[in-house]
PDB file of all heavy atoms in Angstrom:
ATOM      1  N   LEU A   1       9.253 -95.214 -14.416  1.00  0.00           N
ATOM      2  CA  LEU A   1       9.743 -94.078 -13.644  1.00  0.00           C
ATOM      3  C   LEU A   1       8.669 -93.680 -12.624  1.00  0.00           C
ATOM      4  O   LEU A   1       7.538 -93.365 -12.998  1.00  0.00           O
ATOM      5  CB  LEU A   1      10.030 -92.889 -14.567  1.00  0.00           C
ATOM      6  CG  LEU A   1      10.623 -91.646 -13.901  1.00  0.00           C
ATOM      7  CD1 LEU A   1      12.057 -91.924 -13.438  1.00  0.00           C
ATOM      8  CD2 LEU A   1      10.592 -90.451 -14.831  1.00  0.00           C
ATOM      9  N   PRO A   2       8.999 -93.706 -11.334  1.00  0.00           N
ATOM     10  CA  PRO A   2       7.953 -93.412 -10.329  1.00  0.00           C
ATOM     11  C   PRO A   2       7.611 -91.928 -10.280  1.00  0.00           C
ATOM     12  O   PRO A   2       8.499 -91.072 -10.265  1.00  0.00           O
ATOM     13  CB  PRO A   2       8.620 -93.870  -9.019  1.00  0.00           C
ATOM     14  CG  PRO A   2      10.086 -93.757  -9.257  1.00  0.00           C
ATOM     15  CD  PRO A   2      10.302 -94.037 -10.718  1.00  0.00           C
ATOM     16  N   LEU A   3       6.320 -91.635 -10.258  1.00  0.00           N
ATOM     17  CA  LEU A   3       5.869 -90.258 -10.098  1.00  0.00           C
ATOM     18  C   LEU A   3       5.807 -89.923  -8.610  1.00  0.00           C
ATOM     19  O   LEU A   3       5.315 -90.731  -7.827  1.00  0.00           O
ATOM     20  CB  LEU A   3       4.495 -90.046 -10.748  1.00  0.00           C
ATOM     21  CG  LEU A   3       4.453 -90.187 -12.270  1.00  0.00           C
ATOM     22  CD1 LEU A   3       3.034 -89.993 -12.779  1.00  0.00           C
ATOM     23  CD2 LEU A   3       5.410 -89.207 -12.939  1.00  0.00           C
ATOM     24  N   PRO A   4       6.275 -88.768  -8.214  1.00  0.00           N
ATOM     25  CA  PRO A   4       6.310 -88.436  -6.773  1.00  0.00           C
ATOM     26  C   PRO A   4       4.915 -88.357  -6.175  1.00  0.00           C
ATOM     27  O   PRO A   4       3.962 -87.917  -6.823  1.00  0.00           O
ATOM     28  CB  PRO A   4       6.996 -87.058  -6.745  1.00  0.00           C
ATOM     29  CG  PRO A   4       7.658 -86.921  -8.059  1.00  0.00           C
ATOM     30  CD  PRO A   4       6.866 -87.712  -9.027  1.00  0.00           C
ATOM     31  N   THR A   5       4.800 -88.809  -4.944  1.00  0.00           N
ATOM     32  CA  THR A   5       3.555 -88.641  -4.175  1.00  0.00           C
ATOM     33  C   THR A   5       3.707 -87.558  -3.113  1.00  0.00           C
ATOM     34  O   THR A   5       2.723 -87.183  -2.487  1.00  0.00           O
ATOM     35  CB  THR A   5       3.174 -89.969  -3.497  1.00  0.00           C
ATOM     36  OG1 THR A   5       4.262 -90.415  -2.670  1.00  0.00           O
ATOM     37  CG2 THR A   5       2.870 -91.032  -4.546  1.00  0.00           C
ATOM     38  N   ASP A   6       4.922 -87.079  -2.925  1.00  0.00           N
ATOM     39  CA  ASP A   6       5.209 -86.046  -1.939  1.00  0.00           C
ATOM     40  C   ASP A   6       5.083 -84.675  -2.599  1.00  0.00           C
ATOM     41  O   ASP A   6       5.688 -84.413  -3.644  1.00  0.00           O
ATOM     42  CB  ASP A   6       6.621 -86.243  -1.380  1.00  0.00           C
ATOM     43  CG  ASP A   6       6.999 -85.186  -0.353  1.00  0.00           C
ATOM     44  OD1 ASP A   6       6.092 -84.466   0.103  1.00  0.00           O
ATOM     45  OD2 ASP A   6       8.186 -85.089  -0.021  1.00  0.00           O
ATOM     46  N   ALA A   7       4.317 -83.776  -1.988  1.00  0.00           N
ATOM     47  CA  ALA A   7       4.127 -82.434  -2.557  1.00  0.00           C
ATOM     48  C   ALA A   7       5.441 -81.663  -2.639  1.00  0.00           C
ATOM     49  O   ALA A   7       5.650 -80.849  -3.548  1.00  0.00           O
ATOM     50  CB  ALA A   7       3.103 -81.653  -1.719  1.00  0.00           C
ATOM     51  N   GLY A   8       6.338 -81.923  -1.685  1.00  0.00           N
ATOM     52  CA  GLY A   8       7.625 -81.211  -1.684  1.00  0.00           C
ATOM     53  C   GLY A   8       8.432 -81.486  -2.934  1.00  0.00           C
ATOM     54  O   GLY A   8       9.124 -80.595  -3.442  1.00  0.00           O
ATOM     55  N   ARG A   9       8.363 -82.718  -3.441  1.00  0.00           N
ATOM     56  CA  ARG A   9       9.090 -83.046  -4.667  1.00  0.00           C
ATOM     57  C   ARG A   9       8.512 -82.305  -5.869  1.00  0.00           C
ATOM     58  O   ARG A   9       9.248 -81.888  -6.776  1.00  0.00           O
ATOM     59  CB  ARG A   9       9.074 -84.553  -4.898  1.00  0.00           C
ATOM     60  CG  ARG A   9       9.973 -85.331  -3.929  1.00  0.00           C
ATOM     61  CD  ARG A   9       9.925 -86.824  -4.195  1.00  0.00           C
ATOM     62  NE  ARG A   9      10.785 -87.537  -3.284  1.00  0.00           N
ATOM     63  CZ  ARG A   9      12.002 -88.035  -3.587  1.00  0.00           C
ATOM     64  NH1 ARG A   9      12.479 -87.860  -4.804  1.00  0.00           N
ATOM     65  NH2 ARG A   9      12.720 -88.670  -2.700  1.00  0.00           N
ATOM     66  N   TRP A  10       7.195 -82.138  -5.896  1.00  0.00           N
ATOM     67  CA  TRP A  10       6.585 -81.403  -7.002  1.00  0.00           C
ATOM     68  C   TRP A  10       6.926 -79.915  -6.916  1.00  0.00           C
ATOM     69  O   TRP A  10       7.038 -79.242  -7.949  1.00  0.00           O
ATOM     70  CB  TRP A  10       5.067 -81.600  -7.009  1.00  0.00           C
ATOM     71  CG  TRP A  10       4.651 -82.941  -7.532  1.00  0.00           C
ATOM     72  CD1 TRP A  10       4.040 -83.942  -6.855  1.00  0.00           C
ATOM     73  CD2 TRP A  10       4.843 -83.429  -8.874  1.00  0.00           C
ATOM     74  NE1 TRP A  10       3.818 -85.034  -7.659  1.00  0.00           N
ATOM     75  CE2 TRP A  10       4.301 -84.748  -8.902  1.00  0.00           C
ATOM     76  CE3 TRP A  10       5.409 -82.905 -10.022  1.00  0.00           C
ATOM     77  CZ2 TRP A  10       4.309 -85.528 -10.063  1.00  0.00           C
ATOM     78  CZ3 TRP A  10       5.429 -83.680 -11.185  1.00  0.00           C
ATOM     79  CH2 TRP A  10       4.883 -84.964 -11.191  1.00  0.00           C
ATOM     80  N   VAL A  11       7.091 -79.409  -5.702  1.00  0.00           N
ATOM     81  CA  VAL A  11       7.557 -78.023  -5.560  1.00  0.00           C
ATOM     82  C   VAL A  11       8.963 -77.889  -6.137  1.00  0.00           C
ATOM     83  O   VAL A  11       9.279 -76.915  -6.843  1.00  0.00           O
ATOM     84  CB  VAL A  11       7.515 -77.594  -4.087  1.00  0.00           C
ATOM     85  CG1 VAL A  11       8.220 -76.243  -3.896  1.00  0.00           C
ATOM     86  CG2 VAL A  11       6.087 -77.516  -3.586  1.00  0.00           C
ATOM     87  N   THR A  12       9.808 -78.859  -5.835  1.00  0.00           N
ATOM     88  CA  THR A  12      11.163 -78.862  -6.412  1.00  0.00           C
ATOM     89  C   THR A  12      11.097 -78.929  -7.925  1.00  0.00           C
ATOM     90  O   THR A  12      11.824 -78.211  -8.632  1.00  0.00           O
ATOM     91  CB  THR A  12      11.979 -80.057  -5.872  1.00  0.00           C
ATOM     92  OG1 THR A  12      12.050 -79.964  -4.445  1.00  0.00           O
ATOM     93  CG2 THR A  12      13.379 -80.074  -6.454  1.00  0.00           C
ATOM     94  N   PHE A  13      10.225 -79.795  -8.451  1.00  0.00           N
ATOM     95  CA  PHE A  13      10.049 -79.892  -9.893  1.00  0.00           C
ATOM     96  C   PHE A  13       9.657 -78.529 -10.480  1.00  0.00           C
ATOM     97  O   PHE A  13      10.182 -78.122 -11.524  1.00  0.00           O
ATOM     98  CB  PHE A  13       8.970 -80.924 -10.225  1.00  0.00           C
ATOM     99  CG  PHE A  13       8.630 -81.003 -11.678  1.00  0.00           C
ATOM    100  CD1 PHE A  13       9.364 -81.823 -12.529  1.00  0.00           C
ATOM    101  CD2 PHE A  13       7.593 -80.246 -12.218  1.00  0.00           C
ATOM    102  CE1 PHE A  13       9.049 -81.895 -13.880  1.00  0.00           C
ATOM    103  CE2 PHE A  13       7.278 -80.307 -13.561  1.00  0.00           C
ATOM    104  CZ  PHE A  13       8.008 -81.148 -14.402  1.00  0.00           C
ATOM    105  N   ALA A  14       8.759 -77.811  -9.808  1.00  0.00           N
ATOM    106  CA  ALA A  14       8.254 -76.534 -10.322  1.00  0.00           C
ATOM    107  C   ALA A  14       9.365 -75.502 -10.418  1.00  0.00           C
ATOM    108  O   ALA A  14       9.526 -74.829 -11.448  1.00  0.00           O
ATOM    109  CB  ALA A  14       7.111 -76.021  -9.448  1.00  0.00           C
ATOM    110  N   TRP A  15      10.174 -75.339  -9.352  1.00  0.00           N
ATOM    111  CA  TRP A  15      11.186 -74.289  -9.417  1.00  0.00           C
ATOM    112  C   TRP A  15      12.360 -74.672 -10.317  1.00  0.00           C
ATOM    113  O   TRP A  15      12.949 -73.794 -10.966  1.00  0.00           O
ATOM    114  CB  TRP A  15      11.652 -73.837  -8.039  1.00  0.00           C
ATOM    115  CG  TRP A  15      12.357 -74.803  -7.140  1.00  0.00           C
ATOM    116  CD1 TRP A  15      11.837 -75.449  -6.056  1.00  0.00           C
ATOM    117  CD2 TRP A  15      13.738 -75.165  -7.187  1.00  0.00           C
ATOM    118  NE1 TRP A  15      12.800 -76.224  -5.453  1.00  0.00           N
ATOM    119  CE2 TRP A  15      13.968 -76.049  -6.110  1.00  0.00           C
ATOM    120  CE3 TRP A  15      14.809 -74.838  -8.008  1.00  0.00           C
ATOM    121  CZ2 TRP A  15      15.226 -76.632  -5.868  1.00  0.00           C
ATOM    122  CZ3 TRP A  15      16.061 -75.394  -7.773  1.00  0.00           C
ATOM    123  CH2 TRP A  15      16.258 -76.280  -6.712  1.00  0.00           C
ATOM    124  N   VAL A  16      12.689 -75.968 -10.396  1.00  0.00           N
ATOM    125  CA  VAL A  16      13.728 -76.379 -11.354  1.00  0.00           C
ATOM    126  C   VAL A  16      13.237 -76.142 -12.788  1.00  0.00           C
ATOM    127  O   VAL A  16      13.984 -75.640 -13.638  1.00  0.00           O
ATOM    128  CB  VAL A  16      14.120 -77.853 -11.142  1.00  0.00           C
ATOM    129  CG1 VAL A  16      15.053 -78.326 -12.256  1.00  0.00           C
ATOM    130  CG2 VAL A  16      14.786 -78.040  -9.795  1.00  0.00           C
ATOM    131  N   PHE A  17      11.969 -76.474 -13.041  1.00  0.00           N
ATOM    132  CA  PHE A  17      11.393 -76.265 -14.363  1.00  0.00           C
ATOM    133  C   PHE A  17      11.387 -74.786 -14.738  1.00  0.00           C
ATOM    134  O   PHE A  17      11.843 -74.401 -15.831  1.00  0.00           O
ATOM    135  CB  PHE A  17       9.984 -76.826 -14.400  1.00  0.00           C
ATOM    136  CG  PHE A  17       9.238 -76.580 -15.691  1.00  0.00           C
ATOM    137  CD1 PHE A  17       9.415 -77.427 -16.782  1.00  0.00           C
ATOM    138  CD2 PHE A  17       8.369 -75.507 -15.821  1.00  0.00           C
ATOM    139  CE1 PHE A  17       8.737 -77.191 -17.971  1.00  0.00           C
ATOM    140  CE2 PHE A  17       7.696 -75.284 -16.997  1.00  0.00           C
ATOM    141  CZ  PHE A  17       7.884 -76.120 -18.086  1.00  0.00           C
ATOM    142  N   LEU A  18      10.903 -73.929 -13.846  1.00  0.00           N
ATOM    143  CA  LEU A  18      10.791 -72.502 -14.156  1.00  0.00           C
ATOM    144  C   LEU A  18      12.165 -71.847 -14.334  1.00  0.00           C
ATOM    145  O   LEU A  18      12.373 -71.070 -15.276  1.00  0.00           O
ATOM    146  CB  LEU A  18       9.999 -71.789 -13.065  1.00  0.00           C
ATOM    147  CG  LEU A  18       8.500 -72.125 -13.023  1.00  0.00           C
ATOM    148  CD1 LEU A  18       7.841 -71.451 -11.823  1.00  0.00           C
ATOM    149  CD2 LEU A  18       7.815 -71.707 -14.314  1.00  0.00           C
ATOM    150  N   LEU A  19      13.092 -72.161 -13.438  1.00  0.00           N
ATOM    151  CA  LEU A  19      14.447 -71.600 -13.584  1.00  0.00           C
ATOM    152  C   LEU A  19      15.125 -72.132 -14.828  1.00  0.00           C
ATOM    153  O   LEU A  19      15.831 -71.389 -15.528  1.00  0.00           O
ATOM    154  CB  LEU A  19      15.279 -71.909 -12.342  1.00  0.00           C
ATOM    155  CG  LEU A  19      14.945 -71.132 -11.062  1.00  0.00           C
ATOM    156  CD1 LEU A  19      15.800 -71.634  -9.898  1.00  0.00           C
ATOM    157  CD2 LEU A  19      15.164 -69.642 -11.265  1.00  0.00           C
ATOM    158  N   GLY A  20      14.923 -73.424 -15.131  1.00  0.00           N
ATOM    159  CA  GLY A  20      15.524 -73.998 -16.318  1.00  0.00           C
ATOM    160  C   GLY A  20      14.970 -73.393 -17.589  1.00  0.00           C
ATOM    161  O   GLY A  20      15.724 -73.050 -18.518  1.00  0.00           O
ATOM    162  N   VAL A  21      13.654 -73.252 -17.674  1.00  0.00           N
ATOM    163  CA  VAL A  21      13.025 -72.654 -18.861  1.00  0.00           C
ATOM    164  C   VAL A  21      13.488 -71.201 -19.014  1.00  0.00           C
ATOM    165  O   VAL A  21      13.812 -70.761 -20.127  1.00  0.00           O
ATOM    166  CB  VAL A  21      11.491 -72.728 -18.745  1.00  0.00           C
ATOM    167  CG1 VAL A  21      10.833 -71.851 -19.807  1.00  0.00           C
ATOM    168  CG2 VAL A  21      11.020 -74.166 -18.912  1.00  0.00           C
ATOM    169  N   THR A  22      13.503 -70.462 -17.925  1.00  0.00           N
ATOM    170  CA  THR A  22      13.918 -69.049 -17.991  1.00  0.00           C
ATOM    171  C   THR A  22      15.359 -68.905 -18.454  1.00  0.00           C
ATOM    172  O   THR A  22      15.672 -68.133 -19.370  1.00  0.00           O
ATOM    173  CB  THR A  22      13.746 -68.372 -16.619  1.00  0.00           C
ATOM    174  OG1 THR A  22      12.371 -68.499 -16.199  1.00  0.00           O
ATOM    175  CG2 THR A  22      14.125 -66.910 -16.686  1.00  0.00           C
ATOM    176  N   GLY A  23      16.258 -69.668 -17.819  1.00  0.00           N
ATOM    177  CA  GLY A  23      17.666 -69.566 -18.180  1.00  0.00           C
ATOM    178  C   GLY A  23      17.943 -69.993 -19.608  1.00  0.00           C
ATOM    179  O   GLY A  23      18.649 -69.295 -20.355  1.00  0.00           O
ATOM    180  N   CYS A  24      17.366 -71.123 -20.041  1.00  0.00           N
ATOM    181  CA  CYS A  24      17.597 -71.607 -21.401  1.00  0.00           C
ATOM    182  C   CYS A  24      16.995 -70.671 -22.427  1.00  0.00           C
ATOM    183  O   CYS A  24      17.557 -70.464 -23.514  1.00  0.00           O
ATOM    184  CB  CYS A  24      17.022 -73.009 -21.557  1.00  0.00           C
ATOM    185  SG  CYS A  24      17.916 -74.291 -20.663  1.00  0.00           S
ATOM    186  N   SER A  25      15.835 -70.075 -22.123  1.00  0.00           N
ATOM    187  CA  SER A  25      15.207 -69.141 -23.057  1.00  0.00           C
ATOM    188  C   SER A  25      16.043 -67.877 -23.229  1.00  0.00           C
ATOM    189  O   SER A  25      16.227 -67.390 -24.345  1.00  0.00           O
ATOM    190  CB  SER A  25      13.801 -68.776 -22.563  1.00  0.00           C
ATOM    191  OG  SER A  25      12.971 -69.912 -22.496  1.00  0.00           O
ATOM    192  N   LEU A  26      16.554 -67.352 -22.127  1.00  0.00           N
ATOM    193  CA  LEU A  26      17.387 -66.162 -22.207  1.00  0.00           C
ATOM    194  C   LEU A  26      18.691 -66.447 -22.950  1.00  0.00           C
ATOM    195  O   LEU A  26      19.140 -65.637 -23.777  1.00  0.00           O
ATOM    196  CB  LEU A  26      17.687 -65.638 -20.805  1.00  0.00           C
ATOM    197  CG  LEU A  26      16.495 -65.014 -20.062  1.00  0.00           C
ATOM    198  CD1 LEU A  26      16.838 -64.782 -18.597  1.00  0.00           C
ATOM    199  CD2 LEU A  26      16.078 -63.699 -20.719  1.00  0.00           C
ATOM    200  N   LEU A  27      19.277 -67.603 -22.695  1.00  0.00           N
ATOM    201  CA  LEU A  27      20.504 -67.966 -23.402  1.00  0.00           C
ATOM    202  C   LEU A  27      20.235 -68.204 -24.879  1.00  0.00           C
ATOM    203  O   LEU A  27      21.051 -67.847 -25.743  1.00  0.00           O
ATOM    204  CB  LEU A  27      21.122 -69.207 -22.761  1.00  0.00           C
ATOM    205  CG  LEU A  27      21.704 -69.011 -21.367  1.00  0.00           C
ATOM    206  CD1 LEU A  27      22.136 -70.344 -20.757  1.00  0.00           C
ATOM    207  CD2 LEU A  27      22.890 -68.040 -21.413  1.00  0.00           C
ATOM    208  N   GLY A  28      19.080 -68.803 -25.199  1.00  0.00           N
ATOM    209  CA  GLY A  28      18.732 -68.999 -26.594  1.00  0.00           C
ATOM    210  C   GLY A  28      18.512 -67.686 -27.316  1.00  0.00           C
ATOM    211  O   GLY A  28      18.918 -67.521 -28.473  1.00  0.00           O
ATOM    212  N   THR A  29      17.885 -66.731 -26.637  1.00  0.00           N
ATOM    213  CA  THR A  29      17.681 -65.400 -27.220  1.00  0.00           C
ATOM    214  C   THR A  29      19.019 -64.722 -27.472  1.00  0.00           C
ATOM    215  O   THR A  29      19.226 -64.105 -28.532  1.00  0.00           O
ATOM    216  CB  THR A  29      16.818 -64.529 -26.288  1.00  0.00           C
ATOM    217  OG1 THR A  29      15.567 -65.197 -26.068  1.00  0.00           O
ATOM    218  CG2 THR A  29      16.564 -63.175 -26.905  1.00  0.00           C
ATOM    219  N   ALA A  30      19.922 -64.820 -26.519  1.00  0.00           N
ATOM    220  CA  ALA A  30      21.257 -64.220 -26.704  1.00  0.00           C
ATOM    221  C   ALA A  30      22.028 -64.937 -27.805  1.00  0.00           C
ATOM    222  O   ALA A  30      22.728 -64.302 -28.614  1.00  0.00           O
ATOM    223  CB  ALA A  30      22.019 -64.270 -25.381  1.00  0.00           C
ATOM    224  N   MET A  31      21.887 -66.262 -27.870  1.00  0.00           N
ATOM    225  CA  MET A  31      22.613 -67.038 -28.878  1.00  0.00           C
ATOM    226  C   MET A  31      22.141 -66.705 -30.292  1.00  0.00           C
ATOM    227  O   MET A  31      22.885 -66.877 -31.252  1.00  0.00           O
ATOM    228  CB  MET A  31      22.396 -68.535 -28.596  1.00  0.00           C
ATOM    229  CG  MET A  31      23.245 -69.453 -29.459  1.00  0.00           C
ATOM    230  SD  MET A  31      24.994 -69.352 -29.007  1.00  0.00           S
ATOM    231  CE  MET A  31      25.694 -70.634 -30.086  1.00  0.00           C
ATOM    232  N   SER A  32      20.904 -66.207 -30.433  1.00  0.00           N
ATOM    233  CA  SER A  32      20.373 -65.900 -31.759  1.00  0.00           C
ATOM    234  C   SER A  32      21.142 -64.784 -32.451  1.00  0.00           C
ATOM    235  O   SER A  32      21.015 -64.603 -33.668  1.00  0.00           O
ATOM    236  CB  SER A  32      18.890 -65.509 -31.645  1.00  0.00           C
ATOM    237  OG  SER A  32      18.747 -64.249 -30.997  1.00  0.00           O
ATOM    238  N   SER A  33      21.929 -64.023 -31.705  1.00  0.00           N
ATOM    239  CA  SER A  33      22.711 -62.943 -32.311  1.00  0.00           C
ATOM    240  C   SER A  33      24.013 -63.442 -32.917  1.00  0.00           C
ATOM    241  O   SER A  33      24.700 -62.679 -33.608  1.00  0.00           O
ATOM    242  CB  SER A  33      23.016 -61.864 -31.257  1.00  0.00           C
ATOM    243  OG  SER A  33      21.832 -61.279 -30.779  1.00  0.00           O
ATOM    244  N   VAL A  34      24.364 -64.700 -32.691  1.00  0.00           N
ATOM    245  CA  VAL A  34      25.637 -65.237 -33.206  1.00  0.00           C
ATOM    246  C   VAL A  34      25.542 -65.643 -34.672  1.00  0.00           C
ATOM    247  O   VAL A  34      26.363 -65.208 -35.485  1.00  0.00           O
ATOM    248  CB  VAL A  34      26.112 -66.407 -32.329  1.00  0.00           C
ATOM    249  CG1 VAL A  34      27.388 -67.020 -32.903  1.00  0.00           C
ATOM    250  CG2 VAL A  34      26.342 -65.940 -30.891  1.00  0.00           C
ATOM    251  N   PRO A  35      24.570 -66.478 -35.083  1.00  0.00           N
ATOM    252  CA  PRO A  35      24.514 -66.882 -36.504  1.00  0.00           C
ATOM    253  C   PRO A  35      24.133 -65.711 -37.401  1.00  0.00           C
ATOM    254  O   PRO A  35      23.328 -64.862 -37.048  1.00  0.00           O
ATOM    255  CB  PRO A  35      23.420 -67.958 -36.524  1.00  0.00           C
ATOM    256  CG  PRO A  35      23.172 -68.331 -35.098  1.00  0.00           C
ATOM    257  CD  PRO A  35      23.497 -67.123 -34.296  1.00  0.00           C
ATOM    258  N   ARG A  36      24.685 -65.700 -38.612  1.00  0.00           N
ATOM    259  CA  ARG A  36      24.344 -64.675 -39.592  1.00  0.00           C
ATOM    260  C   ARG A  36      23.146 -65.063 -40.437  1.00  0.00           C
ATOM    261  O   ARG A  36      22.570 -64.227 -41.120  1.00  0.00           O
ATOM    262  CB  ARG A  36      25.549 -64.389 -40.504  1.00  0.00           C
ATOM    263  CG  ARG A  36      26.711 -63.720 -39.797  1.00  0.00           C
ATOM    264  CD  ARG A  36      27.860 -63.505 -40.759  1.00  0.00           C
ATOM    265  NE  ARG A  36      28.982 -62.846 -40.108  1.00  0.00           N
ATOM    266  CZ  ARG A  36      29.149 -61.527 -40.062  1.00  0.00           C
ATOM    267  NH1 ARG A  36      28.265 -60.732 -40.642  1.00  0.00           N
ATOM    268  NH2 ARG A  36      30.186 -60.992 -39.452  1.00  0.00           N
ATOM    269  N   SER A  37      22.777 -66.354 -40.424  1.00  0.00           N
ATOM    270  CA  SER A  37      21.670 -66.813 -41.250  1.00  0.00           C
ATOM    271  C   SER A  37      21.040 -68.040 -40.611  1.00  0.00           C
ATOM    272  O   SER A  37      21.613 -68.642 -39.687  1.00  0.00           O
ATOM    273  CB  SER A  37      22.139 -67.149 -42.673  1.00  0.00           C
ATOM    274  OG  SER A  37      23.018 -68.268 -42.644  1.00  0.00           O
ATOM    275  N   VAL A  38      19.865 -68.413 -41.106  1.00  0.00           N
ATOM    276  CA  VAL A  38      19.192 -69.595 -40.573  1.00  0.00           C
ATOM    277  C   VAL A  38      20.002 -70.849 -40.896  1.00  0.00           C
ATOM    278  O   VAL A  38      20.061 -71.784 -40.096  1.00  0.00           O
ATOM    279  CB  VAL A  38      17.776 -69.695 -41.171  1.00  0.00           C
ATOM    280  CG1 VAL A  38      17.081 -70.949 -40.676  1.00  0.00           C
ATOM    281  CG2 VAL A  38      16.954 -68.475 -40.796  1.00  0.00           C
TER     282      VAL A  38
END
């Protein structure tokens, strides 16, 4: 898998990563209210 040499691609990686982590974390926190037990 080629690693990008263009800084613009790493900027894209950064905002996709941050938005993805934020969205999935918030959804996971909300989802924790659904199960009654571990």
